[in-house]
Amino acid sequence: MTALDIAAAACLLLGAALAFVAGVGMVRFPATLARMHAATKPQVLSLHLVLLAMWLRRPTWATAGPLLLAAIFQVITAAVAAYMVGRAVYRGGEPEDGTAIPAGEPRA
């Protein structure tokens, strides 16, 4: 086993663990905005770790191109999806769960 194989295995395991933790967060968090956070940030990082592991197993430009495109599209679509969900929750008037700071109040 080479150093690249070990690094690829570490990235793959870390990415899978992070995706699992994000899935648990999606189920466990009570508010929609908290679930949205669990659905976007860890999932993007876990996908990037898995894509990095794939590239480390076959480090050529032929594999780097599609993997880079997948990473870029994931970053763009996750941000847009999070914005749309947040906007829908805001406009839909989800019942207040006490975690938001009302407009005009100073932060502590």
PDB file of N, CA and C in Angstrom:
ATOM      1  N   MET A   1       0.836  -1.177   0.000  1.00  0.00           N
ATOM      2  CA  MET A   1       0.000   0.000   0.000  1.00  0.00           C
ATOM      3  C   MET A   1       0.882   1.241   0.000  1.00  0.00           C
ATOM      4  N   THR A   2       0.564   2.147  -0.892  1.00  0.00           N
ATOM      5  CA  THR A   2       1.351   3.363  -0.991  1.00  0.00           C
ATOM      6  C   THR A   2       0.741   4.446  -0.107  1.00  0.00           C
ATOM      7  N   ALA A   3       1.461   5.549  -0.031  1.00  0.00           N
ATOM      8  CA  ALA A   3       0.972   6.678   0.763  1.00  0.00           C
ATOM      9  C   ALA A   3      -0.305   7.259   0.156  1.00  0.00           C
ATOM     10  N   LEU A   4      -0.414   7.234  -1.181  1.00  0.00           N
ATOM     11  CA  LEU A   4      -1.631   7.727  -1.825  1.00  0.00           C
ATOM     12  C   LEU A   4      -2.836   6.850  -1.491  1.00  0.00           C
ATOM     13  N   ASP A   5      -2.618   5.537  -1.399  1.00  0.00           N
ATOM     14  CA  ASP A   5      -3.709   4.636  -1.029  1.00  0.00           C
ATOM     15  C   ASP A   5      -4.192   4.911   0.391  1.00  0.00           C
ATOM     16  N   ILE A   6      -3.260   5.154   1.281  1.00  0.00           N
ATOM     17  CA  ILE A   6      -3.621   5.444   2.673  1.00  0.00           C
ATOM     18  C   ILE A   6      -4.362   6.778   2.764  1.00  0.00           C
ATOM     19  N   ALA A   7      -3.875   7.782   2.035  1.00  0.00           N
ATOM     20  CA  ALA A   7      -4.545   9.088   2.033  1.00  0.00           C
ATOM     21  C   ALA A   7      -5.940   8.981   1.424  1.00  0.00           C
ATOM     22  N   ALA A   8      -6.074   8.196   0.351  1.00  0.00           N
ATOM     23  CA  ALA A   8      -7.385   8.013  -0.274  1.00  0.00           C
ATOM     24  C   ALA A   8      -8.346   7.309   0.672  1.00  0.00           C
ATOM     25  N   ALA A   9      -7.857   6.295   1.369  1.00  0.00           N
ATOM     26  CA  ALA A   9      -8.710   5.583   2.322  1.00  0.00           C
ATOM     27  C   ALA A   9      -9.137   6.500   3.466  1.00  0.00           C
ATOM     28  N   ALA A  10      -8.217   7.325   3.936  1.00  0.00           N
ATOM     29  CA  ALA A  10      -8.552   8.255   5.020  1.00  0.00           C
ATOM     30  C   ALA A  10      -9.594   9.269   4.561  1.00  0.00           C
ATOM     31  N   CYS A  11      -9.432   9.816   3.359  1.00  0.00           N
ATOM     32  CA  CYS A  11     -10.408  10.776   2.831  1.00  0.00           C
ATOM     33  C   CYS A  11     -11.771  10.118   2.637  1.00  0.00           C
ATOM     34  N   LEU A  12     -11.774   8.890   2.147  1.00  0.00           N
ATOM     35  CA  LEU A  12     -13.030   8.190   1.917  1.00  0.00           C
ATOM     36  C   LEU A  12     -13.753   7.895   3.228  1.00  0.00           C
ATOM     37  N   LEU A  13     -13.020   7.428   4.215  1.00  0.00           N
ATOM     38  CA  LEU A  13     -13.636   7.136   5.510  1.00  0.00           C
ATOM     39  C   LEU A  13     -14.122   8.406   6.203  1.00  0.00           C
ATOM     40  N   LEU A  14     -13.321   9.458   6.145  1.00  0.00           N
ATOM     41  CA  LEU A  14     -13.725  10.723   6.759  1.00  0.00           C
ATOM     42  C   LEU A  14     -14.947  11.311   6.055  1.00  0.00           C
ATOM     43  N   GLY A  15     -14.959  11.233   4.732  1.00  0.00           N
ATOM     44  CA  GLY A  15     -16.118  11.724   3.987  1.00  0.00           C
ATOM     45  C   GLY A  15     -17.378  10.941   4.292  1.00  0.00           C
ATOM     46  N   ALA A  16     -17.257   9.622   4.395  1.00  0.00           N
ATOM     47  CA  ALA A  16     -18.422   8.792   4.721  1.00  0.00           C
ATOM     48  C   ALA A  16     -18.910   9.074   6.139  1.00  0.00           C
ATOM     49  N   ALA A  17     -17.986   9.232   7.071  1.00  0.00           N
ATOM     50  CA  ALA A  17     -18.375   9.525   8.453  1.00  0.00           C
ATOM     51  C   ALA A  17     -19.059  10.884   8.550  1.00  0.00           C
ATOM     52  N   LEU A  18     -18.538  11.864   7.828  1.00  0.00           N
ATOM     53  CA  LEU A  18     -19.141  13.194   7.849  1.00  0.00           C
ATOM     54  C   LEU A  18     -20.537  13.182   7.226  1.00  0.00           C
ATOM     55  N   ALA A  19     -20.716  12.418   6.150  1.00  0.00           N
ATOM     56  CA  ALA A  19     -22.042  12.300   5.542  1.00  0.00           C
ATOM     57  C   ALA A  19     -23.020  11.620   6.497  1.00  0.00           C
ATOM     58  N   PHE A  20     -22.541  10.625   7.228  1.00  0.00           N
ATOM     59  CA  PHE A  20     -23.399   9.948   8.204  1.00  0.00           C
ATOM     60  C   PHE A  20     -23.813  10.899   9.323  1.00  0.00           C
ATOM     61  N   VAL A  21     -22.863  11.666   9.835  1.00  0.00           N
ATOM     62  CA  VAL A  21     -23.169  12.621  10.904  1.00  0.00           C
ATOM     63  C   VAL A  21     -24.149  13.684  10.404  1.00  0.00           C
ATOM     64  N   ALA A  22     -23.986  14.121   9.162  1.00  0.00           N
ATOM     65  CA  ALA A  22     -24.921  15.098   8.601  1.00  0.00           C
ATOM     66  C   ALA A  22     -26.315  14.497   8.476  1.00  0.00           C
ATOM     67  N   GLY A  23     -26.397  13.235   8.102  1.00  0.00           N
ATOM     68  CA  GLY A  23     -27.698  12.571   8.030  1.00  0.00           C
ATOM     69  C   GLY A  23     -28.362  12.464   9.389  1.00  0.00           C
ATOM     70  N   VAL A  24     -27.576  12.172  10.409  1.00  0.00           N
ATOM     71  CA  VAL A  24     -28.116  12.127  11.770  1.00  0.00           C
ATOM     72  C   VAL A  24     -28.603  13.514  12.179  1.00  0.00           C
ATOM     73  N   GLY A  25     -27.847  14.543  11.826  1.00  0.00           N
ATOM     74  CA  GLY A  25     -28.264  15.912  12.127  1.00  0.00           C
ATOM     75  C   GLY A  25     -29.563  16.291  11.431  1.00  0.00           C
ATOM     76  N   MET A  26     -29.745  15.799  10.208  1.00  0.00           N
ATOM     77  CA  MET A  26     -30.991  16.076   9.491  1.00  0.00           C
ATOM     78  C   MET A  26     -32.191  15.492  10.220  1.00  0.00           C
ATOM     79  N   VAL A  27     -31.998  14.355  10.848  1.00  0.00           N
ATOM     80  CA  VAL A  27     -33.103  13.705  11.549  1.00  0.00           C
ATOM     81  C   VAL A  27     -33.305  14.304  12.940  1.00  0.00           C
ATOM     82  N   ARG A  28     -32.224  14.672  13.598  1.00  0.00           N
ATOM     83  CA  ARG A  28     -32.296  15.066  15.004  1.00  0.00           C
ATOM     84  C   ARG A  28     -32.607  16.547  15.242  1.00  0.00           C
ATOM     85  N   PHE A  29     -32.182  17.440  14.337  1.00  0.00           N
ATOM     86  CA  PHE A  29     -32.401  18.863  14.579  1.00  0.00           C
ATOM     87  C   PHE A  29     -33.887  19.197  14.492  1.00  0.00           C
ATOM     88  N   PRO A  30     -34.379  20.051  15.405  1.00  0.00           N
ATOM     89  CA  PRO A  30     -35.817  20.318  15.441  1.00  0.00           C
ATOM     90  C   PRO A  30     -36.284  21.353  14.415  1.00  0.00           C
ATOM     91  N   ALA A  31     -35.501  22.367  14.153  1.00  0.00           N
ATOM     92  CA  ALA A  31     -35.949  23.469  13.299  1.00  0.00           C
ATOM     93  C   ALA A  31     -35.505  23.251  11.854  1.00  0.00           C
ATOM     94  N   THR A  32     -36.279  23.804  10.943  1.00  0.00           N
ATOM     95  CA  THR A  32     -35.979  23.649   9.522  1.00  0.00           C
ATOM     96  C   THR A  32     -34.643  24.276   9.164  1.00  0.00           C
ATOM     97  N   LEU A  33     -34.352  25.443   9.697  1.00  0.00           N
ATOM     98  CA  LEU A  33     -33.095  26.109   9.364  1.00  0.00           C
ATOM     99  C   LEU A  33     -31.898  25.338   9.906  1.00  0.00           C
ATOM    100  N   ALA A  34     -32.029  24.710  11.046  1.00  0.00           N
ATOM    101  CA  ALA A  34     -30.946  23.883  11.577  1.00  0.00           C
ATOM    102  C   ALA A  34     -30.755  22.645  10.713  1.00  0.00           C
ATOM    103  N   ARG A  35     -31.846  22.055  10.270  1.00  0.00           N
ATOM    104  CA  ARG A  35     -31.737  20.895   9.375  1.00  0.00           C
ATOM    105  C   ARG A  35     -31.125  21.299   8.045  1.00  0.00           C
ATOM    106  N   MET A  36     -31.450  22.501   7.582  1.00  0.00           N
ATOM    107  CA  MET A  36     -30.871  22.987   6.336  1.00  0.00           C
ATOM    108  C   MET A  36     -29.357  23.128   6.470  1.00  0.00           C
ATOM    109  N   HIS A  37     -28.903  23.598   7.618  1.00  0.00           N
ATOM    110  CA  HIS A  37     -27.470  23.718   7.864  1.00  0.00           C
ATOM    111  C   HIS A  37     -26.807  22.344   7.829  1.00  0.00           C
ATOM    112  N   ALA A  38     -27.447  21.361   8.443  1.00  0.00           N
ATOM    113  CA  ALA A  38     -26.892  20.006   8.450  1.00  0.00           C
ATOM    114  C   ALA A  38     -26.913  19.385   7.064  1.00  0.00           C
ATOM    115  N   ALA A  39     -27.819  19.833   6.222  1.00  0.00           N
ATOM    116  CA  ALA A  39     -27.920  19.257   4.887  1.00  0.00           C
ATOM    117  C   ALA A  39     -26.916  19.845   3.910  1.00  0.00           C
ATOM    118  N   THR A  40     -26.411  21.028   4.163  1.00  0.00           N
ATOM    119  CA  THR A  40     -25.554  21.670   3.166  1.00  0.00           C
ATOM    120  C   THR A  40     -24.074  21.609   3.500  1.00  0.00           C
ATOM    121  N   LYS A  41     -23.672  22.166   4.592  1.00  0.00           N
ATOM    122  CA  LYS A  41     -22.240  22.307   4.867  1.00  0.00           C
ATOM    123  C   LYS A  41     -21.507  20.977   5.011  1.00  0.00           C
ATOM    124  N   PRO A  42     -21.942  20.067   5.873  1.00  0.00           N
ATOM    125  CA  PRO A  42     -21.196  18.805   5.983  1.00  0.00           C
ATOM    126  C   PRO A  42     -21.297  17.946   4.729  1.00  0.00           C
ATOM    127  N   GLN A  43     -22.430  18.018   4.032  1.00  0.00           N
ATOM    128  CA  GLN A  43     -22.573  17.195   2.840  1.00  0.00           C
ATOM    129  C   GLN A  43     -21.614  17.640   1.740  1.00  0.00           C
ATOM    130  N   VAL A  44     -21.439  18.938   1.591  1.00  0.00           N
ATOM    131  CA  VAL A  44     -20.510  19.438   0.576  1.00  0.00           C
ATOM    132  C   VAL A  44     -19.083  19.015   0.915  1.00  0.00           C
ATOM    133  N   LEU A  45     -18.693  19.162   2.171  1.00  0.00           N
ATOM    134  CA  LEU A  45     -17.345  18.764   2.569  1.00  0.00           C
ATOM    135  C   LEU A  45     -17.149  17.263   2.418  1.00  0.00           C
ATOM    136  N   SER A  46     -18.150  16.473   2.778  1.00  0.00           N
ATOM    137  CA  SER A  46     -17.999  15.025   2.657  1.00  0.00           C
ATOM    138  C   SER A  46     -17.896  14.612   1.193  1.00  0.00           C
ATOM    139  N   LEU A  47     -18.663  15.244   0.317  1.00  0.00           N
ATOM    140  CA  LEU A  47     -18.546  14.923  -1.101  1.00  0.00           C
ATOM    141  C   LEU A  47     -17.174  15.299  -1.634  1.00  0.00           C
ATOM    142  N   HIS A  48     -16.647  16.441  -1.212  1.00  0.00           N
ATOM    143  CA  HIS A  48     -15.317  16.835  -1.662  1.00  0.00           C
ATOM    144  C   HIS A  48     -14.252  15.857  -1.172  1.00  0.00           C
ATOM    145  N   LEU A  49     -14.406  15.349   0.031  1.00  0.00           N
ATOM    146  CA  LEU A  49     -13.453  14.354   0.525  1.00  0.00           C
ATOM    147  C   LEU A  49     -13.535  13.060  -0.276  1.00  0.00           C
ATOM    148  N   VAL A  50     -14.735  12.638  -0.628  1.00  0.00           N
ATOM    149  CA  VAL A  50     -14.890  11.425  -1.436  1.00  0.00           C
ATOM    150  C   VAL A  50     -14.321  11.644  -2.832  1.00  0.00           C
ATOM    151  N   LEU A  51     -14.571  12.805  -3.416  1.00  0.00           N
ATOM    152  CA  LEU A  51     -14.005  13.104  -4.733  1.00  0.00           C
ATOM    153  C   LEU A  51     -12.483  13.172  -4.684  1.00  0.00           C
ATOM    154  N   LEU A  52     -11.941  13.723  -3.612  1.00  0.00           N
ATOM    155  CA  LEU A  52     -10.487  13.748  -3.449  1.00  0.00           C
ATOM    156  C   LEU A  52      -9.935  12.331  -3.335  1.00  0.00           C
ATOM    157  N   ALA A  53     -10.638  11.476  -2.618  1.00  0.00           N
ATOM    158  CA  ALA A  53     -10.210  10.079  -2.508  1.00  0.00           C
ATOM    159  C   ALA A  53     -10.221   9.401  -3.872  1.00  0.00           C
ATOM    160  N   MET A  54     -11.234   9.698  -4.670  1.00  0.00           N
ATOM    161  CA  MET A  54     -11.287   9.122  -6.017  1.00  0.00           C
ATOM    162  C   MET A  54     -10.116   9.608  -6.858  1.00  0.00           C
ATOM    163  N   TRP A  55      -9.779  10.879  -6.734  1.00  0.00           N
ATOM    164  CA  TRP A  55      -8.661  11.400  -7.520  1.00  0.00           C
ATOM    165  C   TRP A  55      -7.327  10.842  -7.028  1.00  0.00           C
ATOM    166  N   LEU A  56      -7.193  10.653  -5.722  1.00  0.00           N
ATOM    167  CA  LEU A  56      -5.946  10.101  -5.195  1.00  0.00           C
ATOM    168  C   LEU A  56      -5.729   8.666  -5.656  1.00  0.00           C
ATOM    169  N   ARG A  57      -6.793   7.931  -5.901  1.00  0.00           N
ATOM    170  CA  ARG A  57      -6.656   6.560  -6.392  1.00  0.00           C
ATOM    171  C   ARG A  57      -6.226   6.533  -7.851  1.00  0.00           C
ATOM    172  N   ARG A  58      -6.618   7.536  -8.623  1.00  0.00           N
ATOM    173  CA  ARG A  58      -6.262   7.604 -10.040  1.00  0.00           C
ATOM    174  C   ARG A  58      -5.918   9.055 -10.380  1.00  0.00           C
ATOM    175  N   PRO A  59      -4.716   9.501  -9.996  1.00  0.00           N
ATOM    176  CA  PRO A  59      -4.361  10.925 -10.149  1.00  0.00           C
ATOM    177  C   PRO A  59      -3.949  11.294 -11.580  1.00  0.00           C
ATOM    178  N   THR A  60      -4.931  11.429 -12.446  1.00  0.00           N
ATOM    179  CA  THR A  60      -4.669  11.865 -13.817  1.00  0.00           C
ATOM    180  C   THR A  60      -5.562  13.060 -14.127  1.00  0.00           C
ATOM    181  N   TRP A  61      -5.206  13.778 -15.180  1.00  0.00           N
ATOM    182  CA  TRP A  61      -6.025  14.914 -15.589  1.00  0.00           C
ATOM    183  C   TRP A  61      -7.363  14.442 -16.143  1.00  0.00           C
ATOM    184  N   ALA A  62      -7.400  13.234 -16.690  1.00  0.00           N
ATOM    185  CA  ALA A  62      -8.651  12.709 -17.240  1.00  0.00           C
ATOM    186  C   ALA A  62      -9.697  12.478 -16.149  1.00  0.00           C
ATOM    187  N   THR A  63      -9.261  12.128 -14.963  1.00  0.00           N
ATOM    188  CA  THR A  63     -10.218  11.963 -13.864  1.00  0.00           C
ATOM    189  C   THR A  63     -10.423  13.264 -13.092  1.00  0.00           C
ATOM    190  N   ALA A  64      -9.448  14.145 -13.118  1.00  0.00           N
ATOM    191  CA  ALA A  64      -9.561  15.397 -12.366  1.00  0.00           C
ATOM    192  C   ALA A  64     -10.651  16.303 -12.936  1.00  0.00           C
ATOM    193  N   GLY A  65     -10.808  16.318 -14.251  1.00  0.00           N
ATOM    194  CA  GLY A  65     -11.800  17.191 -14.878  1.00  0.00           C
ATOM    195  C   GLY A  65     -13.227  16.913 -14.432  1.00  0.00           C
ATOM    196  N   PRO A  66     -13.724  15.692 -14.624  1.00  0.00           N
ATOM    197  CA  PRO A  66     -15.096  15.410 -14.180  1.00  0.00           C
ATOM    198  C   PRO A  66     -15.286  15.548 -12.669  1.00  0.00           C
ATOM    199  N   LEU A  67     -14.275  15.179 -11.896  1.00  0.00           N
ATOM    200  CA  LEU A  67     -14.394  15.306 -10.446  1.00  0.00           C
ATOM    201  C   LEU A  67     -14.463  16.774 -10.036  1.00  0.00           C
ATOM    202  N   LEU A  68     -13.679  17.610 -10.693  1.00  0.00           N
ATOM    203  CA  LEU A  68     -13.712  19.040 -10.402  1.00  0.00           C
ATOM    204  C   LEU A  68     -15.061  19.649 -10.794  1.00  0.00           C
ATOM    205  N   LEU A  69     -15.598  19.223 -11.932  1.00  0.00           N
ATOM    206  CA  LEU A  69     -16.925  19.703 -12.332  1.00  0.00           C
ATOM    207  C   LEU A  69     -17.994  19.292 -11.322  1.00  0.00           C
ATOM    208  N   ALA A  70     -17.923  18.062 -10.855  1.00  0.00           N
ATOM    209  CA  ALA A  70     -18.890  17.599  -9.850  1.00  0.00           C
ATOM    210  C   ALA A  70     -18.771  18.414  -8.569  1.00  0.00           C
ATOM    211  N   ALA A  71     -17.550  18.726  -8.168  1.00  0.00           N
ATOM    212  CA  ALA A  71     -17.340  19.510  -6.947  1.00  0.00           C
ATOM    213  C   ALA A  71     -17.894  20.924  -7.106  1.00  0.00           C
ATOM    214  N   ILE A  72     -17.646  21.540  -8.243  1.00  0.00           N
ATOM    215  CA  ILE A  72     -18.127  22.902  -8.479  1.00  0.00           C
ATOM    216  C   ILE A  72     -19.652  22.941  -8.517  1.00  0.00           C
ATOM    217  N   PHE A  73     -20.260  22.001  -9.236  1.00  0.00           N
ATOM    218  CA  PHE A  73     -21.722  21.974  -9.306  1.00  0.00           C
ATOM    219  C   PHE A  73     -22.343  21.698  -7.944  1.00  0.00           C
ATOM    220  N   GLN A  74     -21.693  20.887  -7.133  1.00  0.00           N
ATOM    221  CA  GLN A  74     -22.218  20.613  -5.796  1.00  0.00           C
ATOM    222  C   GLN A  74     -22.198  21.875  -4.939  1.00  0.00           C
ATOM    223  N   VAL A  75     -21.124  22.635  -5.012  1.00  0.00           N
ATOM    224  CA  VAL A  75     -21.038  23.873  -4.228  1.00  0.00           C
ATOM    225  C   VAL A  75     -22.122  24.854  -4.667  1.00  0.00           C
ATOM    226  N   ILE A  76     -22.317  24.977  -5.975  1.00  0.00           N
ATOM    227  CA  ILE A  76     -23.312  25.923  -6.488  1.00  0.00           C
ATOM    228  C   ILE A  76     -24.724  25.477  -6.128  1.00  0.00           C
ATOM    229  N   THR A  77     -25.046  24.223  -6.382  1.00  0.00           N
ATOM    230  CA  THR A  77     -26.419  23.776  -6.154  1.00  0.00           C
ATOM    231  C   THR A  77     -26.761  23.685  -4.674  1.00  0.00           C
ATOM    232  N   ALA A  78     -25.808  23.342  -3.831  1.00  0.00           N
ATOM    233  CA  ALA A  78     -26.092  23.289  -2.391  1.00  0.00           C
ATOM    234  C   ALA A  78     -26.385  24.686  -1.855  1.00  0.00           C
ATOM    235  N   ALA A  79     -25.644  25.675  -2.327  1.00  0.00           N
ATOM    236  CA  ALA A  79     -25.884  27.046  -1.876  1.00  0.00           C
ATOM    237  C   ALA A  79     -27.240  27.555  -2.355  1.00  0.00           C
ATOM    238  N   VAL A  80     -27.582  27.277  -3.594  1.00  0.00           N
ATOM    239  CA  VAL A  80     -28.870  27.722  -4.129  1.00  0.00           C
ATOM    240  C   VAL A  80     -30.017  27.007  -3.425  1.00  0.00           C
ATOM    241  N   ALA A  81     -29.875  25.716  -3.198  1.00  0.00           N
ATOM    242  CA  ALA A  81     -30.933  24.963  -2.514  1.00  0.00           C
ATOM    243  C   ALA A  81     -31.115  25.460  -1.081  1.00  0.00           C
ATOM    244  N   ALA A  82     -30.026  25.739  -0.392  1.00  0.00           N
ATOM    245  CA  ALA A  82     -30.128  26.248   0.976  1.00  0.00           C
ATOM    246  C   ALA A  82     -30.804  27.613   0.991  1.00  0.00           C
ATOM    247  N   TYR A  83     -30.480  28.450   0.026  1.00  0.00           N
ATOM    248  CA  TYR A  83     -31.121  29.759  -0.061  1.00  0.00           C
ATOM    249  C   TYR A  83     -32.622  29.609  -0.303  1.00  0.00           C
ATOM    250  N   MET A  84     -32.995  28.724  -1.216  1.00  0.00           N
ATOM    251  CA  MET A  84     -34.409  28.553  -1.543  1.00  0.00           C
ATOM    252  C   MET A  84     -35.198  27.979  -0.363  1.00  0.00           C
ATOM    253  N   VAL A  85     -34.623  27.033   0.352  1.00  0.00           N
ATOM    254  CA  VAL A  85     -35.307  26.478   1.526  1.00  0.00           C
ATOM    255  C   VAL A  85     -35.438  27.545   2.606  1.00  0.00           C
ATOM    256  N   GLY A  86     -34.371  28.289   2.847  1.00  0.00           N
ATOM    257  CA  GLY A  86     -34.427  29.358   3.841  1.00  0.00           C
ATOM    258  C   GLY A  86     -35.449  30.416   3.484  1.00  0.00           C
ATOM    259  N   ARG A  87     -35.509  30.766   2.235  1.00  0.00           N
ATOM    260  CA  ARG A  87     -36.482  31.768   1.783  1.00  0.00           C
ATOM    261  C   ARG A  87     -37.913  31.252   1.937  1.00  0.00           C
ATOM    262  N   ALA A  88     -38.126  29.983   1.601  1.00  0.00           N
ATOM    263  CA  ALA A  88     -39.466  29.408   1.729  1.00  0.00           C
ATOM    264  C   ALA A  88     -39.903  29.352   3.192  1.00  0.00           C
ATOM    265  N   VAL A  89     -38.982  29.013   4.075  1.00  0.00           N
ATOM    266  CA  VAL A  89     -39.311  28.971   5.504  1.00  0.00           C
ATOM    267  C   VAL A  89     -39.614  30.372   6.008  1.00  0.00           C
ATOM    268  N   TYR A  90     -38.820  31.337   5.576  1.00  0.00           N
ATOM    269  CA  TYR A  90     -39.027  32.721   6.009  1.00  0.00           C
ATOM    270  C   TYR A  90     -40.371  33.257   5.516  1.00  0.00           C
ATOM    271  N   ARG A  91     -40.670  33.016   4.251  1.00  0.00           N
ATOM    272  CA  ARG A  91     -41.915  33.530   3.679  1.00  0.00           C
ATOM    273  C   ARG A  91     -43.131  32.741   4.137  1.00  0.00           C
ATOM    274  N   GLY A  92     -42.922  31.476   4.467  1.00  0.00           N
ATOM    275  CA  GLY A  92     -44.038  30.648   4.905  1.00  0.00           C
ATOM    276  C   GLY A  92     -44.447  30.898   6.333  1.00  0.00           C
ATOM    277  N   GLY A  93     -43.609  31.595   7.068  1.00  0.00           N
ATOM    278  CA  GLY A  93     -43.949  31.920   8.442  1.00  0.00           C
ATOM    279  C   GLY A  93     -43.936  30.718   9.361  1.00  0.00           C
ATOM    280  N   GLU A  94     -42.844  29.975   9.342  1.00  0.00           N
ATOM    281  CA  GLU A  94     -42.727  28.839  10.255  1.00  0.00           C
ATOM    282  C   GLU A  94     -42.833  29.344  11.687  1.00  0.00           C
ATOM    283  N   PRO A  95     -43.517  28.611  12.545  1.00  0.00           N
ATOM    284  CA  PRO A  95     -43.646  29.058  13.938  1.00  0.00           C
ATOM    285  C   PRO A  95     -42.283  29.299  14.575  1.00  0.00           C
ATOM    286  N   GLU A  96     -42.196  30.358  15.337  1.00  0.00           N
ATOM    287  CA  GLU A  96     -40.936  30.748  15.973  1.00  0.00           C
ATOM    288  C   GLU A  96     -40.542  29.716  17.017  1.00  0.00           C
ATOM    289  N   ASP A  97     -39.297  29.282  16.946  1.00  0.00           N
ATOM    290  CA  ASP A  97     -38.814  28.309  17.928  1.00  0.00           C
ATOM    291  C   ASP A  97     -37.916  28.954  18.980  1.00  0.00           C
ATOM    292  N   GLY A  98     -37.789  30.292  18.950  1.00  0.00           N
ATOM    293  CA  GLY A  98     -37.015  30.986  19.967  1.00  0.00           C
ATOM    294  C   GLY A  98     -35.535  31.084  19.694  1.00  0.00           C
ATOM    295  N   THR A  99     -35.090  30.645  18.526  1.00  0.00           N
ATOM    296  CA  THR A  99     -33.658  30.685  18.248  1.00  0.00           C
ATOM    297  C   THR A  99     -33.248  31.899  17.432  1.00  0.00           C
ATOM    298  N   ALA A 100     -34.189  32.575  16.799  1.00  0.00           N
ATOM    299  CA  ALA A 100     -33.851  33.712  15.957  1.00  0.00           C
ATOM    300  C   ALA A 100     -33.831  34.997  16.779  1.00  0.00           C
ATOM    301  N   ILE A 101     -32.971  35.931  16.366  1.00  0.00           N
ATOM    302  CA  ILE A 101     -32.920  37.250  16.994  1.00  0.00           C
ATOM    303  C   ILE A 101     -33.839  38.161  16.188  1.00  0.00           C
ATOM    304  N   PRO A 102     -34.864  38.738  16.803  1.00  0.00           N
ATOM    305  CA  PRO A 102     -35.771  39.614  16.064  1.00  0.00           C
ATOM    306  C   PRO A 102     -35.026  40.819  15.488  1.00  0.00           C
ATOM    307  N   ALA A 103     -35.533  41.331  14.376  1.00  0.00           N
ATOM    308  CA  ALA A 103     -34.909  42.476  13.722  1.00  0.00           C
ATOM    309  C   ALA A 103     -34.943  43.685  14.641  1.00  0.00           C
ATOM    310  N   GLY A 104     -33.846  44.414  14.688  1.00  0.00           N
ATOM    311  CA  GLY A 104     -33.765  45.624  15.479  1.00  0.00           C
ATOM    312  C   GLY A 104     -33.252  45.428  16.889  1.00  0.00           C
ATOM    313  N   GLU A 105     -33.167  44.209  17.354  1.00  0.00           N
ATOM    314  CA  GLU A 105     -32.654  43.968  18.705  1.00  0.00           C
ATOM    315  C   GLU A 105     -31.143  43.779  18.654  1.00  0.00           C
ATOM    316  N   PRO A 106     -30.430  44.361  19.612  1.00  0.00           N
ATOM    317  CA  PRO A 106     -28.967  44.196  19.610  1.00  0.00           C
ATOM    318  C   PRO A 106     -28.574  42.770  19.987  1.00  0.00           C
ATOM    319  N   ARG A 107     -27.452  42.362  19.441  1.00  0.00           N
ATOM    320  CA  ARG A 107     -26.925  41.034  19.776  1.00  0.00           C
ATOM    321  C   ARG A 107     -26.143  41.111  21.068  1.00  0.00           C
ATOM    322  N   ALA A 108     -26.220  40.063  21.840  1.00  0.00           N
ATOM    323  CA  ALA A 108     -25.511  40.038  23.126  1.00  0.00           C
ATOM    324  C   ALA A 108     -24.074  39.631  22.943  1.00  0.00           C
TER     325      ALA A 108
END
